[in-house]
N, C-alpha and C. Protein backbone atom coordinates (compact mmCIF):
# COMPACT_ATOMS: atom_id res chain seq x y z
N UNK A 1 130.74 118.49 106.68
CA UNK A 1 129.98 118.70 104.95
C UNK A 1 129.09 120.34 106.00
N UNK A 2 129.21 121.28 105.24
CA UNK A 2 128.19 122.44 106.01
C UNK A 2 127.23 122.44 105.10
N UNK A 3 125.74 123.21 105.83
CA UNK A 3 124.89 123.85 104.40
C UNK A 3 125.33 125.01 103.80
N UNK A 4 124.47 125.44 102.86
CA UNK A 4 124.62 126.34 101.79
C UNK A 4 123.58 127.08 101.66
N UNK A 5 123.91 128.22 101.43
CA UNK A 5 122.39 128.98 100.93
C UNK A 5 121.13 128.12 101.08
N UNK A 6 121.75 127.88 99.97
CA UNK A 6 120.65 127.64 98.29
C UNK A 6 119.68 126.15 99.52
N UNK A 7 120.91 125.30 99.94
CA UNK A 7 119.90 124.12 101.21
C UNK A 7 118.84 124.52 102.08
N UNK A 8 119.15 126.02 102.37
CA UNK A 8 118.32 126.88 103.42
C UNK A 8 117.23 127.50 102.23
N UNK A 9 117.04 127.49 100.97
CA UNK A 9 116.51 127.88 101.00
C UNK A 9 115.14 127.55 100.59
N UNK A 10 114.01 128.37 100.70
CA UNK A 10 112.46 127.90 100.89
C UNK A 10 111.52 128.16 99.36
N UNK A 11 110.33 127.91 98.89
CA UNK A 11 109.83 127.91 97.74
C UNK A 11 110.43 127.00 96.60
N UNK A 12 109.67 126.59 95.08
CA UNK A 12 110.23 126.38 94.38
C UNK A 12 111.66 125.97 94.27
N UNK A 13 112.25 126.62 94.08
CA UNK A 13 113.82 126.34 93.16
C UNK A 13 114.20 125.38 94.94
N UNK A 14 113.97 125.49 95.71
CA UNK A 14 114.49 124.53 96.87
C UNK A 14 114.75 123.57 96.08
N UNK A 15 116.23 121.99 96.33
CA UNK A 15 116.57 121.16 96.45
C UNK A 15 114.79 119.69 97.18
N UNK A 16 114.40 120.83 98.44
CA UNK A 16 113.20 119.84 98.94
C UNK A 16 112.14 119.61 97.27
N UNK A 17 111.62 121.26 97.35
CA UNK A 17 110.66 121.41 96.33
C UNK A 17 111.08 120.82 95.31
N UNK A 18 112.04 120.42 94.66
CA UNK A 18 111.93 119.38 93.42
C UNK A 18 112.25 117.89 93.69
N UNK A 19 112.90 117.53 94.68
CA UNK A 19 112.64 116.70 95.16
C UNK A 19 110.57 115.99 95.65
N UNK A 20 110.84 117.23 96.09
CA UNK A 20 109.38 116.22 96.25
C UNK A 20 108.08 116.23 94.91
N UNK A 21 108.83 117.40 94.29
CA UNK A 21 107.93 117.30 92.91
C UNK A 21 108.56 116.57 91.65
N UNK A 22 109.43 116.16 92.15
CA UNK A 22 109.68 114.99 90.97
C UNK A 22 108.78 113.53 91.47
N UNK A 23 109.44 113.52 92.79
CA UNK A 23 108.38 112.42 93.30
C UNK A 23 107.27 111.92 93.39
N UNK A 24 106.83 113.43 92.49
CA UNK A 24 104.83 113.02 93.35
C UNK A 24 104.72 112.92 91.76
N UNK A 25 105.76 113.40 90.94
CA UNK A 25 105.27 113.61 89.45
C UNK A 25 105.40 111.84 88.93
N UNK A 26 106.90 110.97 89.57
CA UNK A 26 106.88 110.10 89.10
C UNK A 26 106.05 108.87 89.76
N UNK A 27 105.10 109.57 90.46
CA UNK A 27 104.62 108.18 92.04
C UNK A 27 103.18 108.45 90.35
N UNK A 28 102.88 109.32 90.75
CA UNK A 28 101.69 109.47 89.91
C UNK A 28 101.59 109.70 87.95
N UNK A 29 103.07 109.09 87.81
CA UNK A 29 103.33 107.93 86.86
C UNK A 29 103.16 106.80 86.95
N UNK A 30 103.15 106.08 87.84
CA UNK A 30 103.26 105.00 87.63
C UNK A 30 102.09 104.52 88.58
N UNK A 31 100.91 105.69 89.14
CA UNK A 31 99.45 105.01 88.98
C UNK A 31 99.37 105.17 87.71
N UNK A 32 99.10 106.29 87.59
CA UNK A 32 98.91 106.69 85.81
C UNK A 32 98.69 105.35 84.87
N UNK A 33 100.07 104.68 85.19
CA UNK A 33 100.49 103.62 84.07
C UNK A 33 99.42 102.29 84.25
N UNK A 34 99.54 102.51 86.00
CA UNK A 34 98.65 101.11 86.72
C UNK A 34 97.12 101.78 86.05
N UNK A 35 96.57 102.64 86.68
CA UNK A 35 95.57 102.06 85.88
C UNK A 35 94.78 102.08 84.76
N UNK A 36 95.42 102.59 83.11
CA UNK A 36 95.90 102.65 82.02
C UNK A 36 95.54 101.24 81.79
N UNK A 37 96.70 99.95 82.23
CA UNK A 37 96.93 99.25 82.27
C UNK A 37 95.71 98.24 83.29
N UNK A 38 94.71 98.24 83.97
CA UNK A 38 93.53 97.72 84.34
C UNK A 38 92.43 97.93 83.40
N UNK A 39 92.50 99.81 82.54
CA UNK A 39 91.40 99.62 82.02
C UNK A 39 91.58 99.02 80.41
N UNK A 40 92.66 98.48 80.44
CA UNK A 40 93.14 97.74 79.17
C UNK A 40 92.82 96.17 79.26
N UNK A 41 92.72 95.60 80.03
CA UNK A 41 92.03 94.36 80.49
C UNK A 41 90.79 94.65 81.27
N UNK A 42 90.67 95.32 81.79
CA UNK A 42 89.45 95.82 81.91
C UNK A 42 88.65 96.28 80.82
N UNK A 43 88.80 95.82 79.45
CA UNK A 43 88.22 96.35 78.04
C UNK A 43 87.92 95.04 77.44
N UNK A 44 89.34 93.88 77.46
CA UNK A 44 89.27 93.28 77.41
C UNK A 44 87.53 92.79 77.17
N UNK A 45 87.17 92.16 79.22
CA UNK A 45 85.85 91.49 78.72
C UNK A 45 85.75 90.47 79.55
N UNK A 46 87.15 89.88 79.59
CA UNK A 46 87.43 88.66 80.00
C UNK A 46 86.74 89.16 81.34
N UNK A 47 87.13 89.49 82.45
CA UNK A 47 86.86 89.22 83.72
C UNK A 47 84.87 90.27 84.02
N UNK A 48 85.00 90.46 83.24
CA UNK A 48 83.21 90.38 83.32
C UNK A 48 81.90 89.73 84.84
N UNK A 49 82.54 88.55 84.54
CA UNK A 49 81.66 87.40 84.80
C UNK A 49 82.13 87.24 86.30
N UNK A 50 83.36 88.19 86.95
CA UNK A 50 84.29 88.05 88.09
C UNK A 50 83.72 89.05 88.93
N UNK A 51 82.38 88.46 89.87
CA UNK A 51 81.64 89.89 90.38
C UNK A 51 82.45 90.30 92.09
N UNK A 52 82.65 89.64 92.65
CA UNK A 52 83.33 89.74 93.78
C UNK A 52 84.07 90.82 93.31
N UNK A 53 85.25 90.65 92.66
CA UNK A 53 86.06 90.91 92.03
C UNK A 53 85.94 92.01 91.05
N UNK A 54 85.16 92.69 90.98
CA UNK A 54 84.55 93.64 90.01
C UNK A 54 84.36 94.27 91.46
N UNK A 55 83.50 94.08 92.32
CA UNK A 55 82.69 94.69 94.01
C UNK A 55 84.12 95.49 94.36
N UNK A 56 85.89 94.28 94.81
CA UNK A 56 86.53 94.92 95.58
C UNK A 56 87.56 96.32 94.74
N UNK A 57 86.95 95.92 93.82
CA UNK A 57 87.88 96.75 92.46
C UNK A 57 87.10 97.99 93.18
N UNK A 58 86.25 98.48 92.54
CA UNK A 58 85.62 99.95 92.89
C UNK A 58 86.00 100.04 94.31
N UNK A 59 85.73 99.52 95.69
CA UNK A 59 85.59 99.84 96.46
C UNK A 59 87.28 100.38 96.87
N UNK A 60 88.14 99.73 96.33
CA UNK A 60 89.64 99.81 96.88
C UNK A 60 89.42 101.20 95.79
N UNK A 61 89.22 101.20 94.40
CA UNK A 61 89.79 102.58 94.27
C UNK A 61 88.69 103.94 94.39
N UNK A 62 87.56 103.42 95.04
CA UNK A 62 86.77 104.91 95.81
C UNK A 62 87.89 104.86 97.16
N UNK A 63 88.46 103.59 97.94
CA UNK A 63 89.08 104.39 99.69
C UNK A 63 90.28 105.47 98.40
N UNK A 64 90.95 104.57 97.44
CA UNK A 64 92.04 104.86 96.79
C UNK A 64 91.68 107.14 96.71
N UNK A 65 90.23 107.22 96.27
CA UNK A 65 90.48 108.14 95.79
C UNK A 65 89.99 109.58 96.73
N UNK A 66 88.65 108.38 97.69
CA UNK A 66 89.33 109.35 99.19
C UNK A 66 90.05 109.41 99.95
N UNK A 67 90.94 108.40 99.48
CA UNK A 67 92.23 109.07 101.14
C UNK A 67 93.45 109.84 99.93
N UNK A 68 92.91 109.99 98.96
CA UNK A 68 93.57 110.75 97.61
C UNK A 68 93.44 112.83 97.83
N UNK A 69 91.97 112.40 97.89
CA UNK A 69 91.43 114.16 98.87
C UNK A 69 91.85 114.26 99.85
N UNK A 70 92.04 113.28 101.19
CA UNK A 70 92.11 114.11 102.19
C UNK A 70 93.33 113.58 102.61
N UNK A 71 94.13 113.51 101.39
CA UNK A 71 95.46 113.95 101.58
C UNK A 71 96.04 114.84 101.09
N UNK A 72 95.09 115.73 100.13
CA UNK A 72 94.93 116.95 99.34
C UNK A 72 94.60 117.79 100.92
N UNK A 73 93.78 117.58 101.42
CA UNK A 73 92.55 118.76 101.55
C UNK A 73 94.10 118.95 103.74
N UNK A 74 94.61 117.64 103.41
CA UNK A 74 94.75 118.07 105.06
C UNK A 74 96.51 118.22 104.95
N UNK A 75 96.67 117.85 103.90
CA UNK A 75 98.45 118.49 103.40
C UNK A 75 99.49 117.37 104.51
N UNK A 76 99.17 115.82 103.87
CA UNK A 76 99.68 114.72 104.07
C UNK A 76 100.73 114.61 103.59
N UNK A 77 101.80 114.43 103.86
CA UNK A 77 103.25 114.29 103.30
C UNK A 77 103.42 113.70 101.88
N UNK A 78 103.51 114.54 100.82
CA UNK A 78 103.98 113.60 99.55
C UNK A 78 104.21 112.26 99.57
N UNK A 79 104.93 111.38 99.64
CA UNK A 79 105.46 109.85 100.62
C UNK A 79 103.80 109.06 101.19
N UNK A 80 102.97 109.26 101.44
CA UNK A 80 101.60 108.24 101.27
C UNK A 80 101.45 108.59 99.81
N UNK A 81 101.59 109.74 98.77
CA UNK A 81 100.94 109.06 97.66
C UNK A 81 101.77 107.65 97.47
N UNK A 82 103.14 107.44 97.50
CA UNK A 82 103.68 105.79 97.13
C UNK A 82 102.57 105.10 98.13
N UNK A 83 102.11 104.62 98.80
CA UNK A 83 101.25 103.88 99.61
C UNK A 83 100.19 104.12 98.92
N UNK A 84 98.86 105.12 98.83
CA UNK A 84 98.21 105.03 98.23
C UNK A 84 98.12 104.59 97.36
N UNK A 85 99.20 105.42 95.89
CA UNK A 85 99.52 104.07 95.00
C UNK A 85 99.32 102.58 94.46
N UNK A 86 100.44 102.16 96.22
CA UNK A 86 100.22 100.81 96.43
C UNK A 86 98.73 100.08 95.86
N UNK A 87 98.77 99.86 97.03
CA UNK A 87 97.30 99.93 97.63
C UNK A 87 96.25 99.88 96.37
N UNK A 88 96.05 101.13 96.14
CA UNK A 88 95.39 101.22 95.16
C UNK A 88 95.21 101.60 93.91
N UNK A 89 96.72 101.39 93.62
CA UNK A 89 96.74 101.26 92.43
C UNK A 89 97.39 99.59 91.31
N UNK A 90 98.43 99.43 92.12
CA UNK A 90 99.78 98.59 91.45
C UNK A 90 98.01 97.36 92.03
N UNK A 91 98.36 96.98 93.01
CA UNK A 91 97.25 95.38 93.86
C UNK A 91 96.04 95.97 92.32
N UNK A 92 95.23 96.64 92.58
CA UNK A 92 93.90 95.90 91.79
C UNK A 92 94.37 95.56 90.42
N UNK A 93 95.20 96.15 89.49
CA UNK A 93 96.26 95.62 88.08
C UNK A 93 96.39 94.57 88.76
N UNK A 94 96.83 94.43 89.54
CA UNK A 94 97.49 93.02 89.23
C UNK A 94 96.88 91.84 89.58
N UNK A 95 95.83 92.34 90.37
CA UNK A 95 94.39 91.58 90.41
C UNK A 95 93.89 91.31 88.93
N UNK A 96 93.39 92.48 88.57
CA UNK A 96 92.90 92.92 86.99
C UNK A 96 93.60 91.48 85.58
N UNK A 97 95.16 91.67 85.96
CA UNK A 97 96.00 90.85 84.89
C UNK A 97 95.41 89.27 85.53
N UNK A 98 95.61 88.56 87.04
CA UNK A 98 95.65 87.56 87.57
C UNK A 98 94.01 86.82 86.61
N UNK A 99 92.65 88.12 87.15
CA UNK A 99 91.46 87.46 86.59
C UNK A 99 91.60 87.07 84.99
N UNK A 100 92.24 88.13 84.60
CA UNK A 100 92.26 87.68 83.38
C UNK A 100 93.20 86.61 82.78
N UNK A 101 93.66 86.57 82.97
CA UNK A 101 94.69 85.08 82.41
C UNK A 101 93.77 83.79 82.62
N UNK A 102 93.21 83.92 84.12
CA UNK A 102 92.51 82.74 84.69
C UNK A 102 91.60 82.15 84.08
N UNK A 103 90.73 83.62 83.56
CA UNK A 103 89.54 83.38 82.69
C UNK A 103 90.07 82.93 80.77
N UNK A 104 90.74 83.16 80.45
CA UNK A 104 91.70 83.26 79.45
C UNK A 104 91.44 81.52 79.94
N UNK A 105 92.08 81.07 81.19
CA UNK A 105 92.92 79.43 80.96
C UNK A 105 91.63 79.01 81.30
N UNK A 106 90.55 79.35 81.63
CA UNK A 106 89.63 78.48 82.49
C UNK A 106 88.55 78.09 80.49
N UNK A 107 88.28 79.62 79.57
CA UNK A 107 87.92 79.29 79.24
C UNK A 107 88.57 77.94 77.69
N UNK A 108 90.33 78.53 77.86
CA UNK A 108 90.88 77.26 76.87
C UNK A 108 90.29 75.68 77.41
N UNK A 109 89.87 76.08 78.94
CA UNK A 109 89.92 74.15 80.08
C UNK A 109 88.69 73.35 78.85
N UNK A 110 87.90 75.10 78.69
CA UNK A 110 86.05 74.24 78.78
C UNK A 110 86.10 74.39 77.15
N UNK A 111 87.19 75.19 76.68
CA UNK A 111 87.32 74.38 74.96
C UNK A 111 87.45 73.05 74.78
N UNK A 112 88.60 72.82 75.43
CA UNK A 112 89.58 71.66 74.90
C UNK A 112 87.74 70.11 75.01
N UNK A 113 87.06 70.36 75.94
CA UNK A 113 85.81 69.12 76.08
C UNK A 113 84.60 69.82 74.89
């Protein structure tokens, strides 16, 4: 299979550009969804007393913002956003959900006594 002139095109109409654009949109949507889920569970208020978890989440989110800024300024590959989103978005959301369920289970155990 040979390359067609469309494959060699540079700019917004090229296949590589469209792949990168759709990949960035998907990564950003997944990351935004994780932040929304985390914010929702945070507003429930069950995880307020877990100070160490909250401190780590603030640190992880701060590192995520700094890495995102660095990625834009230093022109990293768009695939880096998946790693940033995983370590700074998905993992804190899972931790927040786990802490919320632990707090609810703990409150149910305490109310039985």
